[in-house]
């Protein structure tokens, strides 16, 4: 099936409407709610204020936060790999690596005896195998939610989910411009893309710090599955 193509849609929806005993509805009007408090959270906050709110929330979700200028990002990431004891690193094949001056990072880490793997959509098994044993996974964040300390990843062909899910430690590089108040804004962005006929990611991951869980007694345990540590790197935009 070609991307974005649907088969037997009309017959399926007609049968569904018939089962409900009504005519098929071909147009649905979006409700206009009287109260929409979700839009009031951090309303009018500047990008710096959103960044501060994000950092404050990270202190509650066991996530380290670092800040840097774009010109110093490469050096900071390399230092953090050493600081967190990373001997193997997996990264997305992301054009932002070049945009933010990280194109030489893999070679620099390799010189430091760190094994590096760049996600390659043509090598699925190799990608998963390396990611499952990697010390650190590094991605950019496509959006970040100040309210909950959440990074949002639009996964795709060269942006595999395993990079943020399988390594023991996860680094998210967050350009300050992508920070929004909460999930409401991300949902709107995706909705607008759909209305414009654009393809949207098949998977959108919302990650709030390292993995954690709580039993019925509400005793929090951090690091039960997936990354046991997480660090966010806030960077000024290019």
C-alpha atoms as a PDB file:
ATOM      1  CA  UNK A   1       0.000   0.000   0.000  1.00  0.00           C
ATOM      2  CA  UNK A   2       1.385   3.415  -0.948  1.00  0.00           C
ATOM      3  CA  UNK A   3       2.012   5.925   1.829  1.00  0.00           C
ATOM      4  CA  UNK A   4      -1.163   7.787   2.762  1.00  0.00           C
ATOM      5  CA  UNK A   5      -3.411   5.505   0.693  1.00  0.00           C
ATOM      6  CA  UNK A   6      -6.578   3.882   2.096  1.00  0.00           C
ATOM      7  CA  UNK A   7      -8.562   1.012   0.640  1.00  0.00           C
ATOM      8  CA  UNK A   8     -12.238   0.097   1.185  1.00  0.00           C
ATOM      9  CA  UNK A   9     -12.797   3.163   3.331  1.00  0.00           C
ATOM     10  CA  UNK A  10     -16.262   3.986   2.025  1.00  0.00           C
ATOM     11  CA  UNK A  11     -17.596   0.443   2.249  1.00  0.00           C
ATOM     12  CA  UNK A  12     -16.256   0.106   5.793  1.00  0.00           C
ATOM     13  CA  UNK A  13     -17.788   3.382   6.995  1.00  0.00           C
ATOM     14  CA  UNK A  14     -21.096   2.637   5.228  1.00  0.00           C
ATOM     15  CA  UNK A  15     -21.327  -0.747   6.943  1.00  0.00           C
ATOM     16  CA  UNK A  16     -20.471   0.853  10.279  1.00  0.00           C
ATOM     17  CA  UNK A  17     -23.211   3.479   9.913  1.00  0.00           C
ATOM     18  CA  UNK A  18     -25.692   0.783   8.913  1.00  0.00           C
ATOM     19  CA  UNK A  19     -24.837  -1.204  12.043  1.00  0.00           C
ATOM     20  CA  UNK A  20     -25.631   1.882  14.123  1.00  0.00           C
ATOM     21  CA  UNK A  21     -28.949   2.224  12.314  1.00  0.00           C
ATOM     22  CA  UNK A  22     -28.295   5.695  10.929  1.00  0.00           C
ATOM     23  CA  UNK A  23     -27.128   7.517   7.828  1.00  0.00           C
ATOM     24  CA  UNK A  24     -23.410   7.899   7.363  1.00  0.00           C
ATOM     25  CA  UNK A  25     -22.105  11.212   8.647  1.00  0.00           C
ATOM     26  CA  UNK A  26     -19.801  12.762   6.093  1.00  0.00           C
ATOM     27  CA  UNK A  27     -19.139  16.024   7.929  1.00  0.00           C
ATOM     28  CA  UNK A  28     -18.556  16.522  11.627  1.00  0.00           C
ATOM     29  CA  UNK A  29     -18.439  19.972  13.176  1.00  0.00           C
ATOM     30  CA  UNK A  30     -15.838  20.444  15.871  1.00  0.00           C
ATOM     31  CA  UNK A  31     -17.455  21.542  19.166  1.00  0.00           C
ATOM     32  CA  UNK A  32     -16.801  25.051  20.439  1.00  0.00           C
ATOM     33  CA  UNK A  33     -16.234  24.539  24.144  1.00  0.00           C
ATOM     34  CA  UNK A  34     -17.178  27.383  26.506  1.00  0.00           C
ATOM     35  CA  UNK A  35     -14.289  26.674  28.852  1.00  0.00           C
ATOM     36  CA  UNK A  36     -10.839  25.723  27.545  1.00  0.00           C
ATOM     37  CA  UNK A  37      -8.477  25.849  30.542  1.00  0.00           C
ATOM     38  CA  UNK A  38      -5.808  23.871  28.697  1.00  0.00           C
ATOM     39  CA  UNK A  39      -4.899  27.034  26.774  1.00  0.00           C
ATOM     40  CA  UNK A  40      -4.334  29.028  29.967  1.00  0.00           C
ATOM     41  CA  UNK A  41      -1.366  26.992  31.212  1.00  0.00           C
ATOM     42  CA  UNK A  42       1.764  29.186  30.953  1.00  0.00           C
ATOM     43  CA  UNK A  43      -0.179  31.466  28.611  1.00  0.00           C
ATOM     44  CA  UNK A  44       1.945  34.337  27.329  1.00  0.00           C
ATOM     45  CA  UNK A  45       5.192  32.932  28.737  1.00  0.00           C
ATOM     46  CA  UNK A  46       8.363  33.787  26.824  1.00  0.00           C
ATOM     47  CA  UNK A  47      10.739  31.074  25.590  1.00  0.00           C
ATOM     48  CA  UNK A  48      13.077  31.810  28.510  1.00  0.00           C
ATOM     49  CA  UNK A  49      10.183  31.515  30.963  1.00  0.00           C
ATOM     50  CA  UNK A  50       9.117  28.236  29.373  1.00  0.00           C
ATOM     51  CA  UNK A  51      12.699  26.982  29.669  1.00  0.00           C
ATOM     52  CA  UNK A  52      12.707  27.864  33.378  1.00  0.00           C
ATOM     53  CA  UNK A  53       9.411  26.045  33.900  1.00  0.00           C
ATOM     54  CA  UNK A  54      10.817  23.003  32.101  1.00  0.00           C
ATOM     55  CA  UNK A  55      13.940  23.002  34.289  1.00  0.00           C
ATOM     56  CA  UNK A  56      11.849  23.293  37.456  1.00  0.00           C
ATOM     57  CA  UNK A  57       9.748  20.301  36.422  1.00  0.00           C
ATOM     58  CA  UNK A  58      12.860  18.263  35.592  1.00  0.00           C
ATOM     59  CA  UNK A  59      13.936  18.533  39.237  1.00  0.00           C
ATOM     60  CA  UNK A  60      10.787  16.553  40.069  1.00  0.00           C
ATOM     61  CA  UNK A  61      11.206  13.825  37.451  1.00  0.00           C
ATOM     62  CA  UNK A  62      14.816  12.842  38.198  1.00  0.00           C
ATOM     63  CA  UNK A  63      16.190  14.412  35.021  1.00  0.00           C
ATOM     64  CA  UNK A  64      19.459  16.343  34.763  1.00  0.00           C
ATOM     65  CA  UNK A  65      19.412  19.576  32.761  1.00  0.00           C
ATOM     66  CA  UNK A  66      22.300  21.332  31.058  1.00  0.00           C
ATOM     67  CA  UNK A  67      22.328  24.569  29.072  1.00  0.00           C
ATOM     68  CA  UNK A  68      24.699  25.723  26.378  1.00  0.00           C
ATOM     69  CA  UNK A  69      25.118  27.898  23.315  1.00  0.00           C
ATOM     70  CA  UNK A  70      24.946  26.214  19.918  1.00  0.00           C
ATOM     71  CA  UNK A  71      28.630  26.914  19.349  1.00  0.00           C
ATOM     72  CA  UNK A  72      29.567  24.922  22.449  1.00  0.00           C
ATOM     73  CA  UNK A  73      27.070  22.071  22.061  1.00  0.00           C
ATOM     74  CA  UNK A  74      29.516  19.566  20.579  1.00  0.00           C
ATOM     75  CA  UNK A  75      32.014  20.002  23.389  1.00  0.00           C
ATOM     76  CA  UNK A  76      29.320  19.681  26.049  1.00  0.00           C
ATOM     77  CA  UNK A  77      27.855  16.490  24.558  1.00  0.00           C
ATOM     78  CA  UNK A  78      31.314  14.924  24.366  1.00  0.00           C
ATOM     79  CA  UNK A  79      32.023  15.883  27.983  1.00  0.00           C
ATOM     80  CA  UNK A  80      28.682  14.470  29.126  1.00  0.00           C
ATOM     81  CA  UNK A  81      29.335  11.157  27.368  1.00  0.00           C
ATOM     82  CA  UNK A  82      32.519  10.869  29.412  1.00  0.00           C
ATOM     83  CA  UNK A  83      30.847  12.150  32.595  1.00  0.00           C
ATOM     84  CA  UNK A  84      28.102   9.511  32.351  1.00  0.00           C
ATOM     85  CA  UNK A  85      30.634   6.775  31.578  1.00  0.00           C
ATOM     86  CA  UNK A  86      29.444   6.105  28.034  1.00  0.00           C
ATOM     87  CA  UNK A  87      31.489   3.567  26.099  1.00  0.00           C
ATOM     88  CA  UNK A  88      28.923   3.134  23.333  1.00  0.00           C
ATOM     89  CA  UNK A  89      26.597   5.728  21.798  1.00  0.00           C
ATOM     90  CA  UNK A  90      23.755   5.465  19.278  1.00  0.00           C
ATOM     91  CA  UNK A  91      22.313   8.534  17.520  1.00  0.00           C
ATOM     92  CA  UNK A  92      19.682   9.498  14.992  1.00  0.00           C
ATOM     93  CA  UNK A  93      20.725  10.292  11.428  1.00  0.00           C
ATOM     94  CA  UNK A  94      19.263  13.764  11.858  1.00  0.00           C
ATOM     95  CA  UNK A  95      20.022  16.846   9.684  1.00  0.00           C
ATOM     96  CA  UNK A  96      20.065  18.902  12.868  1.00  0.00           C
ATOM     97  CA  UNK A  97      23.338  17.199  13.764  1.00  0.00           C
ATOM     98  CA  UNK A  98      24.959  19.226  10.979  1.00  0.00           C
ATOM     99  CA  UNK A  99      22.892  22.330  11.682  1.00  0.00           C
ATOM    100  CA  UNK A 100      24.089  22.453  15.288  1.00  0.00           C
ATOM    101  CA  UNK A 101      27.711  21.617  14.535  1.00  0.00           C
ATOM    102  CA  UNK A 102      27.657  17.980  15.654  1.00  0.00           C
ATOM    103  CA  UNK A 103      28.725  16.411  12.349  1.00  0.00           C
ATOM    104  CA  UNK A 104      32.214  15.706  13.716  1.00  0.00           C
ATOM    105  CA  UNK A 105      30.961  14.317  17.048  1.00  0.00           C
ATOM    106  CA  UNK A 106      30.950  10.635  15.983  1.00  0.00           C
ATOM    107  CA  UNK A 107      34.593  10.834  14.867  1.00  0.00           C
ATOM    108  CA  UNK A 108      35.597  12.709  18.010  1.00  0.00           C
ATOM    109  CA  UNK A 109      33.943  10.097  20.221  1.00  0.00           C
ATOM    110  CA  UNK A 110      35.510   7.275  18.243  1.00  0.00           C
ATOM    111  CA  UNK A 111      38.952   8.795  18.897  1.00  0.00           C
ATOM    112  CA  UNK A 112      38.093   8.616  22.603  1.00  0.00           C
ATOM    113  CA  UNK A 113      37.511   4.857  22.229  1.00  0.00           C
ATOM    114  CA  UNK A 114      33.717   5.253  22.292  1.00  0.00           C
ATOM    115  CA  UNK A 115      31.788   2.966  19.920  1.00  0.00           C
ATOM    116  CA  UNK A 116      29.325   5.025  17.849  1.00  0.00           C
ATOM    117  CA  UNK A 117      26.404   3.889  15.690  1.00  0.00           C
ATOM    118  CA  UNK A 118      24.306   6.200  13.502  1.00  0.00           C
ATOM    119  CA  UNK A 119      20.782   4.941  12.830  1.00  0.00           C
ATOM    120  CA  UNK A 120      20.522   3.471   9.329  1.00  0.00           C
ATOM    121  CA  UNK A 121      17.039   2.543   8.093  1.00  0.00           C
ATOM    122  CA  UNK A 122      18.583  -0.070   5.814  1.00  0.00           C
ATOM    123  CA  UNK A 123      20.135  -1.959   8.738  1.00  0.00           C
ATOM    124  CA  UNK A 124      17.207  -2.716  11.022  1.00  0.00           C
ATOM    125  CA  UNK A 125      18.715  -5.643  12.924  1.00  0.00           C
ATOM    126  CA  UNK A 126      22.048  -3.899  13.380  1.00  0.00           C
ATOM    127  CA  UNK A 127      20.263  -0.781  14.659  1.00  0.00           C
ATOM    128  CA  UNK A 128      18.293  -2.736  17.246  1.00  0.00           C
ATOM    129  CA  UNK A 129      21.208  -4.891  18.295  1.00  0.00           C
ATOM    130  CA  UNK A 130      23.483  -1.905  18.925  1.00  0.00           C
ATOM    131  CA  UNK A 131      20.761   0.137  20.632  1.00  0.00           C
ATOM    132  CA  UNK A 132      19.862  -2.685  23.009  1.00  0.00           C
ATOM    133  CA  UNK A 133      23.371  -2.715  24.499  1.00  0.00           C
ATOM    134  CA  UNK A 134      24.346   0.946  24.058  1.00  0.00           C
ATOM    135  CA  UNK A 135      25.238   3.014  27.094  1.00  0.00           C
ATOM    136  CA  UNK A 136      23.792   6.260  25.715  1.00  0.00           C
ATOM    137  CA  UNK A 137      21.177   7.189  23.109  1.00  0.00           C
ATOM    138  CA  UNK A 138      21.159  10.737  21.724  1.00  0.00           C
ATOM    139  CA  UNK A 139      18.335  12.456  19.833  1.00  0.00           C
ATOM    140  CA  UNK A 140      17.042  15.943  19.207  1.00  0.00           C
ATOM    141  CA  UNK A 141      13.642  16.824  20.615  1.00  0.00           C
ATOM    142  CA  UNK A 142      11.007  17.941  18.108  1.00  0.00           C
ATOM    143  CA  UNK A 143       9.033  19.633  20.867  1.00  0.00           C
ATOM    144  CA  UNK A 144       9.232  19.894  24.640  1.00  0.00           C
ATOM    145  CA  UNK A 145       6.450  20.400  27.183  1.00  0.00           C
ATOM    146  CA  UNK A 146       7.319  22.869  29.939  1.00  0.00           C
ATOM    147  CA  UNK A 147       4.422  21.803  32.158  1.00  0.00           C
ATOM    148  CA  UNK A 148       5.528  18.174  32.519  1.00  0.00           C
ATOM    149  CA  UNK A 149       9.209  18.155  31.572  1.00  0.00           C
ATOM    150  CA  UNK A 150       8.434  16.040  28.515  1.00  0.00           C
ATOM    151  CA  UNK A 151      10.357  15.716  25.268  1.00  0.00           C
ATOM    152  CA  UNK A 152       8.375  14.933  22.120  1.00  0.00           C
ATOM    153  CA  UNK A 153       9.951  12.825  19.387  1.00  0.00           C
ATOM    154  CA  UNK A 154       8.559  12.559  15.867  1.00  0.00           C
ATOM    155  CA  UNK A 155       9.967   9.194  14.909  1.00  0.00           C
ATOM    156  CA  UNK A 156      10.653   8.366  11.283  1.00  0.00           C
ATOM    157  CA  UNK A 157      12.842   6.535   8.817  1.00  0.00           C
ATOM    158  CA  UNK A 158      16.187   7.707  10.195  1.00  0.00           C
ATOM    159  CA  UNK A 159      14.837   8.516  13.661  1.00  0.00           C
ATOM    160  CA  UNK A 160      14.264   5.127  15.254  1.00  0.00           C
ATOM    161  CA  UNK A 161      12.376   4.750  18.521  1.00  0.00           C
ATOM    162  CA  UNK A 162      14.994   2.381  19.891  1.00  0.00           C
ATOM    163  CA  UNK A 163      17.520   5.214  20.276  1.00  0.00           C
ATOM    164  CA  UNK A 164      15.509   6.780  23.100  1.00  0.00           C
ATOM    165  CA  UNK A 165      14.074   3.559  24.549  1.00  0.00           C
ATOM    166  CA  UNK A 166      16.768   0.885  24.696  1.00  0.00           C
ATOM    167  CA  UNK A 167      20.078   2.445  25.866  1.00  0.00           C
ATOM    168  CA  UNK A 168      20.761   2.702  29.602  1.00  0.00           C
ATOM    169  CA  UNK A 169      21.028   6.510  29.440  1.00  0.00           C
ATOM    170  CA  UNK A 170      19.161   8.968  27.235  1.00  0.00           C
ATOM    171  CA  UNK A 171      20.288  12.452  26.140  1.00  0.00           C
ATOM    172  CA  UNK A 172      17.693  14.773  24.571  1.00  0.00           C
ATOM    173  CA  UNK A 173      18.989  17.900  22.828  1.00  0.00           C
ATOM    174  CA  UNK A 174      16.280  20.576  23.063  1.00  0.00           C
ATOM    175  CA  UNK A 175      16.478  23.763  20.959  1.00  0.00           C
ATOM    176  CA  UNK A 176      14.798  26.406  23.097  1.00  0.00           C
ATOM    177  CA  UNK A 177      12.427  27.395  20.281  1.00  0.00           C
ATOM    178  CA  UNK A 178      10.647  24.016  20.409  1.00  0.00           C
ATOM    179  CA  UNK A 179       9.548  24.410  24.050  1.00  0.00           C
ATOM    180  CA  UNK A 180       5.774  24.878  24.355  1.00  0.00           C
ATOM    181  CA  UNK A 181       3.565  25.095  27.458  1.00  0.00           C
ATOM    182  CA  UNK A 182       1.977  21.639  27.283  1.00  0.00           C
ATOM    183  CA  UNK A 183       0.650  18.787  25.134  1.00  0.00           C
ATOM    184  CA  UNK A 184      -2.171  21.038  23.870  1.00  0.00           C
ATOM    185  CA  UNK A 185       0.162  22.927  21.533  1.00  0.00           C
ATOM    186  CA  UNK A 186       1.727  19.770  20.075  1.00  0.00           C
ATOM    187  CA  UNK A 187      -1.699  18.270  19.418  1.00  0.00           C
ATOM    188  CA  UNK A 188      -2.698  21.454  17.587  1.00  0.00           C
ATOM    189  CA  UNK A 189       0.466  21.375  15.463  1.00  0.00           C
ATOM    190  CA  UNK A 190      -0.263  17.803  14.402  1.00  0.00           C
ATOM    191  CA  UNK A 191      -3.926  18.628  13.745  1.00  0.00           C
ATOM    192  CA  UNK A 192      -2.954  21.523  11.483  1.00  0.00           C
ATOM    193  CA  UNK A 193      -0.583  19.282   9.523  1.00  0.00           C
ATOM    194  CA  UNK A 194      -3.386  16.776   8.974  1.00  0.00           C
ATOM    195  CA  UNK A 195      -5.785  19.530   7.861  1.00  0.00           C
ATOM    196  CA  UNK A 196      -3.146  20.749   5.375  1.00  0.00           C
ATOM    197  CA  UNK A 197      -2.848  17.260   3.922  1.00  0.00           C
ATOM    198  CA  UNK A 198       0.703  16.763   5.203  1.00  0.00           C
ATOM    199  CA  UNK A 199       1.982  13.396   6.328  1.00  0.00           C
ATOM    200  CA  UNK A 200       2.452  13.154  10.084  1.00  0.00           C
ATOM    201  CA  UNK A 201       4.793  10.805  11.948  1.00  0.00           C
ATOM    202  CA  UNK A 202       3.553   7.261  12.339  1.00  0.00           C
ATOM    203  CA  UNK A 203       4.778   7.364  15.928  1.00  0.00           C
ATOM    204  CA  UNK A 204       5.006  10.293  18.336  1.00  0.00           C
ATOM    205  CA  UNK A 205       6.816   9.570  21.598  1.00  0.00           C
ATOM    206  CA  UNK A 206       6.263  11.604  24.764  1.00  0.00           C
ATOM    207  CA  UNK A 207       9.148  10.960  27.171  1.00  0.00           C
ATOM    208  CA  UNK A 208       9.245  12.462  30.651  1.00  0.00           C
ATOM    209  CA  UNK A 209      12.665  11.700  32.059  1.00  0.00           C
ATOM    210  CA  UNK A 210      14.002   8.228  32.889  1.00  0.00           C
ATOM    211  CA  UNK A 211      11.733   5.200  33.102  1.00  0.00           C
ATOM    212  CA  UNK A 212       9.835   4.891  36.365  1.00  0.00           C
ATOM    213  CA  UNK A 213       6.925   3.132  37.958  1.00  0.00           C
ATOM    214  CA  UNK A 214       4.992   3.132  41.220  1.00  0.00           C
ATOM    215  CA  UNK A 215       3.206   0.235  42.891  1.00  0.00           C
ATOM    216  CA  UNK A 216      -0.188   0.391  44.550  1.00  0.00           C
ATOM    217  CA  UNK A 217       1.470   1.946  47.608  1.00  0.00           C
ATOM    218  CA  UNK A 218       2.765   4.749  45.334  1.00  0.00           C
ATOM    219  CA  UNK A 219       6.419   4.017  46.092  1.00  0.00           C
ATOM    220  CA  UNK A 220       8.287   5.469  43.127  1.00  0.00           C
ATOM    221  CA  UNK A 221      10.997   3.366  41.531  1.00  0.00           C
ATOM    222  CA  UNK A 222      13.150   5.024  38.884  1.00  0.00           C
ATOM    223  CA  UNK A 223      14.869   2.992  36.193  1.00  0.00           C
ATOM    224  CA  UNK A 224      12.681  -0.089  35.916  1.00  0.00           C
ATOM    225  CA  UNK A 225      12.706  -0.358  32.126  1.00  0.00           C
ATOM    226  CA  UNK A 226      14.188   1.644  29.310  1.00  0.00           C
ATOM    227  CA  UNK A 227      16.678   4.408  30.207  1.00  0.00           C
ATOM    228  CA  UNK A 228      17.583   4.453  33.901  1.00  0.00           C
ATOM    229  CA  UNK A 229      18.989   7.992  33.598  1.00  0.00           C
ATOM    230  CA  UNK A 230      18.045  10.936  31.414  1.00  0.00           C
ATOM    231  CA  UNK A 231      19.605  14.306  30.668  1.00  0.00           C
ATOM    232  CA  UNK A 232      18.151  17.233  28.741  1.00  0.00           C
ATOM    233  CA  UNK A 233      20.497  19.628  26.965  1.00  0.00           C
ATOM    234  CA  UNK A 234      18.888  23.027  26.334  1.00  0.00           C
ATOM    235  CA  UNK A 235      20.570  24.840  23.478  1.00  0.00           C
ATOM    236  CA  UNK A 236      20.108  28.272  21.948  1.00  0.00           C
ATOM    237  CA  UNK A 237      18.797  28.083  18.388  1.00  0.00           C
ATOM    238  CA  UNK A 238      21.020  28.621  15.395  1.00  0.00           C
END
